[in-house]
């Protein structure tokens, strides 16, 4: 059996075949089954569906899995790097159910990239996505495989001899999901508490849920998805950023149950 390097920089020194075999370990098998993708990650014509950018000498890896070779959007994408201490840091990770409607929150009408709405905003597309039940940053509905993807990444980390890893939630609702799966805050705990207090009874954010924009519905006080849209709309007077979380690999993957708020 192939031994695993302990860092992304180490993985990137492997041969192309070894890197492919290793990075493919983060893909949930259920995602392959859902889209009827062969374990070789190629289509029936032999075209590659798993695209990697992880050159030797780099300490980061950008990965994308497509359900078809000519598909415009991936069904899984990620950007993983090393911390300065050689630990795993997920800068970006997501999954798309590309068989559902697409919402162009990632680009303006002229094609300018929005970085999932963090640099620019396509307000019309965002409103449509919100009304369809999506959260900020989503261009499609997800395949509902978070727990499975977490298990895969934990196995990947454990094989590298890592006992914890870091993540960078780009949106409020993502941090809430991570909380439920036993992630802890390295930075941003006070910021998250400030948001929670602001939306609680008597909180200073409640008067701002006045429908002054489509993203500031009074209903947001009690719903995580709508809270996240309000935070994305900078109801705090600042963007959501500087939140980093970590998780120990040995913890249970089953989330804590919290029924105090509806999704």
C-alpha atoms as a PDB file:
ATOM      1  CA  UNK A   1       0.000   0.000   0.000  1.00  0.00           C
ATOM      2  CA  UNK A   2       1.244   3.468  -0.858  1.00  0.00           C
ATOM      3  CA  UNK A   3       2.407   5.497   2.146  1.00  0.00           C
ATOM      4  CA  UNK A   4       1.030   9.009   2.466  1.00  0.00           C
ATOM      5  CA  UNK A   5       3.154  12.142   2.822  1.00  0.00           C
ATOM      6  CA  UNK A   6       2.027  14.293   5.736  1.00  0.00           C
ATOM      7  CA  UNK A   7       1.512  17.551   3.818  1.00  0.00           C
ATOM      8  CA  UNK A   8       0.002  18.845   0.589  1.00  0.00           C
ATOM      9  CA  UNK A   9       3.482  19.957  -0.461  1.00  0.00           C
ATOM     10  CA  UNK A  10       4.614  16.370   0.017  1.00  0.00           C
ATOM     11  CA  UNK A  11       1.689  14.969  -1.948  1.00  0.00           C
ATOM     12  CA  UNK A  12       2.459  17.329  -4.800  1.00  0.00           C
ATOM     13  CA  UNK A  13       5.917  15.786  -5.142  1.00  0.00           C
ATOM     14  CA  UNK A  14       4.378  12.417  -6.064  1.00  0.00           C
ATOM     15  CA  UNK A  15       3.900  11.176  -9.611  1.00  0.00           C
ATOM     16  CA  UNK A  16       0.780  12.257 -11.488  1.00  0.00           C
ATOM     17  CA  UNK A  17      -0.854   8.850 -11.001  1.00  0.00           C
ATOM     18  CA  UNK A  18      -0.100   8.814  -7.279  1.00  0.00           C
ATOM     19  CA  UNK A  19      -1.452  12.333  -6.843  1.00  0.00           C
ATOM     20  CA  UNK A  20      -4.612  11.409  -8.700  1.00  0.00           C
ATOM     21  CA  UNK A  21      -5.132   8.286  -6.590  1.00  0.00           C
ATOM     22  CA  UNK A  22      -4.527  10.221  -3.386  1.00  0.00           C
ATOM     23  CA  UNK A  23      -6.612  13.331  -4.032  1.00  0.00           C
ATOM     24  CA  UNK A  24      -9.474  11.202  -5.344  1.00  0.00           C
ATOM     25  CA  UNK A  25      -9.850   9.878  -1.796  1.00  0.00           C
ATOM     26  CA  UNK A  26     -11.734  13.038  -0.809  1.00  0.00           C
ATOM     27  CA  UNK A  27     -14.570  12.241  -3.248  1.00  0.00           C
ATOM     28  CA  UNK A  28     -17.616  10.665  -1.543  1.00  0.00           C
ATOM     29  CA  UNK A  29     -18.458   7.337  -3.241  1.00  0.00           C
ATOM     30  CA  UNK A  30     -22.110   8.337  -3.004  1.00  0.00           C
ATOM     31  CA  UNK A  31     -21.432  11.267  -5.338  1.00  0.00           C
ATOM     32  CA  UNK A  32     -19.971   8.923  -7.948  1.00  0.00           C
ATOM     33  CA  UNK A  33     -23.004   6.659  -7.648  1.00  0.00           C
ATOM     34  CA  UNK A  34     -25.398   9.574  -7.920  1.00  0.00           C
ATOM     35  CA  UNK A  35     -23.894  10.630 -11.256  1.00  0.00           C
ATOM     36  CA  UNK A  36     -22.928   7.127 -12.418  1.00  0.00           C
ATOM     37  CA  UNK A  37     -19.236   8.005 -12.626  1.00  0.00           C
ATOM     38  CA  UNK A  38     -16.742   5.174 -12.940  1.00  0.00           C
ATOM     39  CA  UNK A  39     -14.172   4.820 -10.158  1.00  0.00           C
ATOM     40  CA  UNK A  40     -11.467   5.670 -12.707  1.00  0.00           C
ATOM     41  CA  UNK A  41     -13.115   9.119 -12.927  1.00  0.00           C
ATOM     42  CA  UNK A  42     -13.357   9.016 -16.699  1.00  0.00           C
ATOM     43  CA  UNK A  43     -16.340   9.028 -19.020  1.00  0.00           C
ATOM     44  CA  UNK A  44     -17.149   6.113 -21.384  1.00  0.00           C
ATOM     45  CA  UNK A  45     -14.898   7.711 -24.025  1.00  0.00           C
ATOM     46  CA  UNK A  46     -11.974   7.791 -21.592  1.00  0.00           C
ATOM     47  CA  UNK A  47     -12.049  11.551 -21.108  1.00  0.00           C
ATOM     48  CA  UNK A  48     -10.844  12.781 -17.738  1.00  0.00           C
ATOM     49  CA  UNK A  49     -13.514  14.041 -15.319  1.00  0.00           C
ATOM     50  CA  UNK A  50     -11.169  14.804 -12.403  1.00  0.00           C
ATOM     51  CA  UNK A  51      -9.102  17.941 -12.987  1.00  0.00           C
ATOM     52  CA  UNK A  52      -6.248  18.741 -10.622  1.00  0.00           C
ATOM     53  CA  UNK A  53      -3.899  21.698 -10.307  1.00  0.00           C
ATOM     54  CA  UNK A  54      -1.260  20.565  -7.827  1.00  0.00           C
ATOM     55  CA  UNK A  55       2.198  21.125  -9.318  1.00  0.00           C
ATOM     56  CA  UNK A  56       5.395  19.958  -7.672  1.00  0.00           C
ATOM     57  CA  UNK A  57       6.828  22.729  -5.541  1.00  0.00           C
ATOM     58  CA  UNK A  58       3.391  24.008  -4.542  1.00  0.00           C
ATOM     59  CA  UNK A  59       1.788  23.591  -1.122  1.00  0.00           C
ATOM     60  CA  UNK A  60      -1.772  23.838  -2.423  1.00  0.00           C
ATOM     61  CA  UNK A  61      -4.099  21.719  -4.530  1.00  0.00           C
ATOM     62  CA  UNK A  62      -7.113  22.827  -6.566  1.00  0.00           C
ATOM     63  CA  UNK A  63      -9.457  20.005  -7.537  1.00  0.00           C
ATOM     64  CA  UNK A  64     -12.630  19.700  -9.602  1.00  0.00           C
ATOM     65  CA  UNK A  65     -14.777  16.710 -10.527  1.00  0.00           C
ATOM     66  CA  UNK A  66     -17.233  16.936 -13.442  1.00  0.00           C
ATOM     67  CA  UNK A  67     -20.122  14.628 -14.267  1.00  0.00           C
ATOM     68  CA  UNK A  68     -19.423  15.089 -17.994  1.00  0.00           C
ATOM     69  CA  UNK A  69     -16.234  16.082 -19.802  1.00  0.00           C
ATOM     70  CA  UNK A  70     -17.932  19.061 -21.440  1.00  0.00           C
ATOM     71  CA  UNK A  71     -19.852  20.222 -18.357  1.00  0.00           C
ATOM     72  CA  UNK A  72     -19.637  23.914 -17.520  1.00  0.00           C
ATOM     73  CA  UNK A  73     -19.622  23.431 -13.750  1.00  0.00           C
ATOM     74  CA  UNK A  74     -18.104  20.783 -11.470  1.00  0.00           C
ATOM     75  CA  UNK A  75     -20.092  18.582  -9.123  1.00  0.00           C
ATOM     76  CA  UNK A  76     -17.251  18.857  -6.582  1.00  0.00           C
ATOM     77  CA  UNK A  77     -14.572  21.502  -6.200  1.00  0.00           C
ATOM     78  CA  UNK A  78     -11.962  22.241  -3.590  1.00  0.00           C
ATOM     79  CA  UNK A  79      -8.844  24.186  -2.719  1.00  0.00           C
ATOM     80  CA  UNK A  80      -6.640  22.678  -0.003  1.00  0.00           C
ATOM     81  CA  UNK A  81      -3.349  24.022   1.299  1.00  0.00           C
ATOM     82  CA  UNK A  82      -0.833  23.587   4.111  1.00  0.00           C
ATOM     83  CA  UNK A  83      -0.668  25.879   7.119  1.00  0.00           C
ATOM     84  CA  UNK A  84       2.721  27.241   8.117  1.00  0.00           C
ATOM     85  CA  UNK A  85       2.855  24.360  10.600  1.00  0.00           C
ATOM     86  CA  UNK A  86       2.190  21.721   7.943  1.00  0.00           C
ATOM     87  CA  UNK A  87      -1.449  21.105   8.840  1.00  0.00           C
ATOM     88  CA  UNK A  88      -4.311  20.784   6.365  1.00  0.00           C
ATOM     89  CA  UNK A  89      -6.354  23.899   5.601  1.00  0.00           C
ATOM     90  CA  UNK A  90      -9.457  23.749   3.404  1.00  0.00           C
ATOM     91  CA  UNK A  91      -9.801  27.158   1.773  1.00  0.00           C
ATOM     92  CA  UNK A  92     -12.721  26.121  -0.416  1.00  0.00           C
ATOM     93  CA  UNK A  93     -14.847  23.012  -0.770  1.00  0.00           C
ATOM     94  CA  UNK A  94     -18.267  22.553  -2.287  1.00  0.00           C
ATOM     95  CA  UNK A  95     -20.572  20.276  -4.208  1.00  0.00           C
ATOM     96  CA  UNK A  96     -23.173  21.129  -6.844  1.00  0.00           C
ATOM     97  CA  UNK A  97     -26.202  19.185  -7.954  1.00  0.00           C
ATOM     98  CA  UNK A  98     -25.802  20.324 -11.543  1.00  0.00           C
ATOM     99  CA  UNK A  99     -29.067  18.660 -12.578  1.00  0.00           C
ATOM    100  CA  UNK A 100     -30.973  21.369 -10.686  1.00  0.00           C
ATOM    101  CA  UNK A 101     -31.505  24.987 -11.843  1.00  0.00           C
ATOM    102  CA  UNK A 102     -28.436  27.238 -11.942  1.00  0.00           C
ATOM    103  CA  UNK A 103     -28.367  30.681 -10.327  1.00  0.00           C
ATOM    104  CA  UNK A 104     -25.668  33.010 -11.634  1.00  0.00           C
ATOM    105  CA  UNK A 105     -24.588  34.382  -8.255  1.00  0.00           C
ATOM    106  CA  UNK A 106     -20.977  33.684  -9.247  1.00  0.00           C
ATOM    107  CA  UNK A 107     -20.916  36.133 -12.145  1.00  0.00           C
ATOM    108  CA  UNK A 108     -22.351  39.450 -13.251  1.00  0.00           C
ATOM    109  CA  UNK A 109     -24.361  39.797 -16.472  1.00  0.00           C
ATOM    110  CA  UNK A 110     -21.176  40.978 -18.248  1.00  0.00           C
ATOM    111  CA  UNK A 111     -19.338  37.828 -17.138  1.00  0.00           C
ATOM    112  CA  UNK A 112     -17.314  39.399 -14.319  1.00  0.00           C
ATOM    113  CA  UNK A 113     -16.601  36.827 -11.610  1.00  0.00           C
ATOM    114  CA  UNK A 114     -18.086  37.627  -8.208  1.00  0.00           C
ATOM    115  CA  UNK A 115     -16.084  35.139  -6.082  1.00  0.00           C
ATOM    116  CA  UNK A 116     -19.414  33.635  -4.974  1.00  0.00           C
ATOM    117  CA  UNK A 117     -20.708  37.109  -4.170  1.00  0.00           C
ATOM    118  CA  UNK A 118     -17.850  38.099  -1.879  1.00  0.00           C
ATOM    119  CA  UNK A 119     -16.249  40.626  -4.278  1.00  0.00           C
ATOM    120  CA  UNK A 120     -19.214  41.613  -6.453  1.00  0.00           C
ATOM    121  CA  UNK A 121     -22.904  40.770  -6.252  1.00  0.00           C
ATOM    122  CA  UNK A 122     -25.427  39.764  -8.889  1.00  0.00           C
ATOM    123  CA  UNK A 123     -28.426  40.952  -6.883  1.00  0.00           C
ATOM    124  CA  UNK A 124     -31.062  39.636  -9.264  1.00  0.00           C
ATOM    125  CA  UNK A 125     -29.549  36.146  -9.287  1.00  0.00           C
ATOM    126  CA  UNK A 126     -29.062  36.221  -5.516  1.00  0.00           C
ATOM    127  CA  UNK A 127     -32.702  37.091  -4.915  1.00  0.00           C
ATOM    128  CA  UNK A 128     -33.855  34.253  -7.161  1.00  0.00           C
ATOM    129  CA  UNK A 129     -31.504  31.837  -5.393  1.00  0.00           C
ATOM    130  CA  UNK A 130     -32.741  32.950  -1.977  1.00  0.00           C
ATOM    131  CA  UNK A 131     -36.372  32.589  -3.006  1.00  0.00           C
ATOM    132  CA  UNK A 132     -35.598  29.072  -4.258  1.00  0.00           C
ATOM    133  CA  UNK A 133     -34.268  28.156  -0.808  1.00  0.00           C
ATOM    134  CA  UNK A 134     -30.547  28.372  -1.544  1.00  0.00           C
ATOM    135  CA  UNK A 135     -28.031  30.000   0.786  1.00  0.00           C
ATOM    136  CA  UNK A 136     -25.377  32.607  -0.093  1.00  0.00           C
ATOM    137  CA  UNK A 137     -22.661  31.318  -2.408  1.00  0.00           C
ATOM    138  CA  UNK A 138     -24.751  28.481  -3.840  1.00  0.00           C
ATOM    139  CA  UNK A 139     -25.138  28.419  -7.613  1.00  0.00           C
ATOM    140  CA  UNK A 140     -26.958  25.070  -7.464  1.00  0.00           C
ATOM    141  CA  UNK A 141     -28.611  23.077  -4.765  1.00  0.00           C
ATOM    142  CA  UNK A 142     -26.222  20.686  -3.092  1.00  0.00           C
ATOM    143  CA  UNK A 143     -26.410  16.880  -3.305  1.00  0.00           C
ATOM    144  CA  UNK A 144     -26.918  16.602   0.495  1.00  0.00           C
ATOM    145  CA  UNK A 145     -23.694  14.683   1.078  1.00  0.00           C
ATOM    146  CA  UNK A 146     -21.967  16.853   3.678  1.00  0.00           C
ATOM    147  CA  UNK A 147     -21.610  14.100   6.270  1.00  0.00           C
ATOM    148  CA  UNK A 148     -20.255  11.711   3.640  1.00  0.00           C
ATOM    149  CA  UNK A 149     -17.762  14.270   2.333  1.00  0.00           C
ATOM    150  CA  UNK A 150     -16.592  15.009   5.866  1.00  0.00           C
ATOM    151  CA  UNK A 151     -16.001  11.321   6.487  1.00  0.00           C
ATOM    152  CA  UNK A 152     -13.939  11.071   3.296  1.00  0.00           C
ATOM    153  CA  UNK A 153     -11.818  14.065   4.196  1.00  0.00           C
ATOM    154  CA  UNK A 154     -11.239  12.725   7.691  1.00  0.00           C
ATOM    155  CA  UNK A 155     -10.002   9.460   6.211  1.00  0.00           C
ATOM    156  CA  UNK A 156      -7.751  11.449   3.879  1.00  0.00           C
ATOM    157  CA  UNK A 157      -6.360  13.460   6.808  1.00  0.00           C
ATOM    158  CA  UNK A 158      -5.888  10.379   8.978  1.00  0.00           C
ATOM    159  CA  UNK A 159      -3.971   8.613   6.216  1.00  0.00           C
ATOM    160  CA  UNK A 160      -1.586  11.574   6.178  1.00  0.00           C
ATOM    161  CA  UNK A 161      -1.055  11.260   9.909  1.00  0.00           C
ATOM    162  CA  UNK A 162      -2.970  14.466  10.621  1.00  0.00           C
ATOM    163  CA  UNK A 163      -5.196  14.596  13.705  1.00  0.00           C
ATOM    164  CA  UNK A 164      -6.958  17.871  12.893  1.00  0.00           C
ATOM    165  CA  UNK A 165      -7.646  20.170   9.965  1.00  0.00           C
ATOM    166  CA  UNK A 166      -8.751  23.754   9.426  1.00  0.00           C
ATOM    167  CA  UNK A 167     -11.568  25.191   7.322  1.00  0.00           C
ATOM    168  CA  UNK A 168     -12.454  28.671   6.130  1.00  0.00           C
ATOM    169  CA  UNK A 169     -16.253  29.164   6.136  1.00  0.00           C
ATOM    170  CA  UNK A 170     -17.072  31.879   3.614  1.00  0.00           C
ATOM    171  CA  UNK A 171     -20.604  32.418   4.907  1.00  0.00           C
ATOM    172  CA  UNK A 172     -22.470  32.503   8.218  1.00  0.00           C
ATOM    173  CA  UNK A 173     -24.598  29.429   7.524  1.00  0.00           C
ATOM    174  CA  UNK A 174     -21.504  27.376   6.675  1.00  0.00           C
ATOM    175  CA  UNK A 175     -19.971  28.162  10.071  1.00  0.00           C
ATOM    176  CA  UNK A 176     -23.236  27.105  11.742  1.00  0.00           C
ATOM    177  CA  UNK A 177     -23.149  23.783   9.883  1.00  0.00           C
ATOM    178  CA  UNK A 178     -19.540  23.256  10.942  1.00  0.00           C
ATOM    179  CA  UNK A 179     -20.487  23.972  14.568  1.00  0.00           C
ATOM    180  CA  UNK A 180     -23.001  21.135  14.456  1.00  0.00           C
ATOM    181  CA  UNK A 181     -20.272  18.763  13.313  1.00  0.00           C
ATOM    182  CA  UNK A 182     -17.953  19.511  16.242  1.00  0.00           C
ATOM    183  CA  UNK A 183     -15.786  22.135  14.589  1.00  0.00           C
ATOM    184  CA  UNK A 184     -14.247  24.723  16.916  1.00  0.00           C
ATOM    185  CA  UNK A 185     -13.221  28.319  16.301  1.00  0.00           C
ATOM    186  CA  UNK A 186      -9.614  29.293  15.858  1.00  0.00           C
ATOM    187  CA  UNK A 187     -10.695  32.845  14.994  1.00  0.00           C
ATOM    188  CA  UNK A 188     -14.108  34.483  14.693  1.00  0.00           C
ATOM    189  CA  UNK A 189     -15.922  33.145  17.773  1.00  0.00           C
ATOM    190  CA  UNK A 190     -16.677  36.650  19.082  1.00  0.00           C
ATOM    191  CA  UNK A 191     -17.893  37.672  15.640  1.00  0.00           C
ATOM    192  CA  UNK A 192     -20.281  34.702  15.496  1.00  0.00           C
ATOM    193  CA  UNK A 193     -21.525  35.432  19.028  1.00  0.00           C
ATOM    194  CA  UNK A 194     -22.131  39.047  18.041  1.00  0.00           C
ATOM    195  CA  UNK A 195     -24.283  37.858  15.113  1.00  0.00           C
ATOM    196  CA  UNK A 196     -26.249  35.459  17.316  1.00  0.00           C
ATOM    197  CA  UNK A 197     -26.857  38.149  19.938  1.00  0.00           C
ATOM    198  CA  UNK A 198     -27.893  40.637  17.280  1.00  0.00           C
ATOM    199  CA  UNK A 199     -30.604  38.332  15.959  1.00  0.00           C
ATOM    200  CA  UNK A 200     -31.803  37.278  19.426  1.00  0.00           C
ATOM    201  CA  UNK A 201     -34.688  38.885  21.315  1.00  0.00           C
ATOM    202  CA  UNK A 202     -33.849  42.537  21.910  1.00  0.00           C
ATOM    203  CA  UNK A 203     -30.863  42.325  19.567  1.00  0.00           C
ATOM    204  CA  UNK A 204     -29.669  45.334  17.604  1.00  0.00           C
ATOM    205  CA  UNK A 205     -30.028  43.574  14.240  1.00  0.00           C
ATOM    206  CA  UNK A 206     -33.756  42.904  14.580  1.00  0.00           C
ATOM    207  CA  UNK A 207     -34.839  46.482  13.713  1.00  0.00           C
ATOM    208  CA  UNK A 208     -32.717  46.225  10.574  1.00  0.00           C
ATOM    209  CA  UNK A 209     -34.778  43.244   9.373  1.00  0.00           C
ATOM    210  CA  UNK A 210     -37.189  45.736   7.867  1.00  0.00           C
ATOM    211  CA  UNK A 211     -37.419  44.518   4.249  1.00  0.00           C
ATOM    212  CA  UNK A 212     -35.373  47.525   3.139  1.00  0.00           C
ATOM    213  CA  UNK A 213     -33.731  45.068   0.746  1.00  0.00           C
ATOM    214  CA  UNK A 214     -35.005  41.638  -0.337  1.00  0.00           C
ATOM    215  CA  UNK A 215     -32.312  40.078   1.871  1.00  0.00           C
ATOM    216  CA  UNK A 216     -33.486  41.653   5.147  1.00  0.00           C
ATOM    217  CA  UNK A 217     -36.745  39.859   5.772  1.00  0.00           C
ATOM    218  CA  UNK A 218     -38.162  39.913   9.329  1.00  0.00           C
ATOM    219  CA  UNK A 219     -38.322  36.112   9.007  1.00  0.00           C
ATOM    220  CA  UNK A 220     -34.519  36.031   9.098  1.00  0.00           C
ATOM    221  CA  UNK A 221     -34.546  36.311  12.892  1.00  0.00           C
ATOM    222  CA  UNK A 222     -35.589  32.664  13.176  1.00  0.00           C
ATOM    223  CA  UNK A 223     -34.083  31.037  10.070  1.00  0.00           C
ATOM    224  CA  UNK A 224     -30.417  30.248   9.480  1.00  0.00           C
ATOM    225  CA  UNK A 225     -30.620  30.474   5.681  1.00  0.00           C
ATOM    226  CA  UNK A 226     -32.238  33.926   5.790  1.00  0.00           C
ATOM    227  CA  UNK A 227     -29.909  35.129   8.531  1.00  0.00           C
ATOM    228  CA  UNK A 228     -27.023  34.217   6.267  1.00  0.00           C
ATOM    229  CA  UNK A 229     -28.505  36.271   3.441  1.00  0.00           C
ATOM    230  CA  UNK A 230     -28.899  39.255   5.767  1.00  0.00           C
ATOM    231  CA  UNK A 231     -25.284  38.902   6.929  1.00  0.00           C
ATOM    232  CA  UNK A 232     -24.200  38.568   3.289  1.00  0.00           C
ATOM    233  CA  UNK A 233     -26.146  41.800   2.655  1.00  0.00           C
ATOM    234  CA  UNK A 234     -23.837  43.393   5.257  1.00  0.00           C
ATOM    235  CA  UNK A 235     -26.548  44.032   7.823  1.00  0.00           C
ATOM    236  CA  UNK A 236     -23.624  44.184  10.276  1.00  0.00           C
ATOM    237  CA  UNK A 237     -22.043  47.044   8.358  1.00  0.00           C
ATOM    238  CA  UNK A 238     -19.161  44.772   7.385  1.00  0.00           C
ATOM    239  CA  UNK A 239     -18.695  41.571   5.382  1.00  0.00           C
ATOM    240  CA  UNK A 240     -18.519  38.096   6.876  1.00  0.00           C
ATOM    241  CA  UNK A 241     -14.827  37.233   7.065  1.00  0.00           C
ATOM    242  CA  UNK A 242     -11.899  36.307   9.308  1.00  0.00           C
ATOM    243  CA  UNK A 243     -13.553  33.131  10.575  1.00  0.00           C
ATOM    244  CA  UNK A 244     -11.384  30.008  10.738  1.00  0.00           C
ATOM    245  CA  UNK A 245     -12.443  26.724  12.325  1.00  0.00           C
ATOM    246  CA  UNK A 246     -10.812  23.382  13.044  1.00  0.00           C
ATOM    247  CA  UNK A 247     -11.906  19.846  13.753  1.00  0.00           C
ATOM    248  CA  UNK A 248     -10.189  16.902  15.395  1.00  0.00           C
ATOM    249  CA  UNK A 249     -10.291  13.855  13.168  1.00  0.00           C
ATOM    250  CA  UNK A 250     -11.247  11.420  15.899  1.00  0.00           C
ATOM    251  CA  UNK A 251     -14.503  13.193  16.812  1.00  0.00           C
ATOM    252  CA  UNK A 252     -17.880  11.702  15.928  1.00  0.00           C
ATOM    253  CA  UNK A 253     -19.125  12.606  12.462  1.00  0.00           C
ATOM    254  CA  UNK A 254     -22.789  12.652  13.520  1.00  0.00           C
ATOM    255  CA  UNK A 255     -23.928  16.255  14.057  1.00  0.00           C
ATOM    256  CA  UNK A 256     -25.312  17.565  17.325  1.00  0.00           C
ATOM    257  CA  UNK A 257     -29.045  17.949  17.098  1.00  0.00           C
ATOM    258  CA  UNK A 258     -30.280  21.531  17.458  1.00  0.00           C
ATOM    259  CA  UNK A 259     -33.922  22.190  16.704  1.00  0.00           C
ATOM    260  CA  UNK A 260     -34.041  25.732  18.098  1.00  0.00           C
ATOM    261  CA  UNK A 261     -33.914  27.266  14.628  1.00  0.00           C
ATOM    262  CA  UNK A 262     -35.392  26.187  11.321  1.00  0.00           C
ATOM    263  CA  UNK A 263     -33.181  25.981   8.272  1.00  0.00           C
END
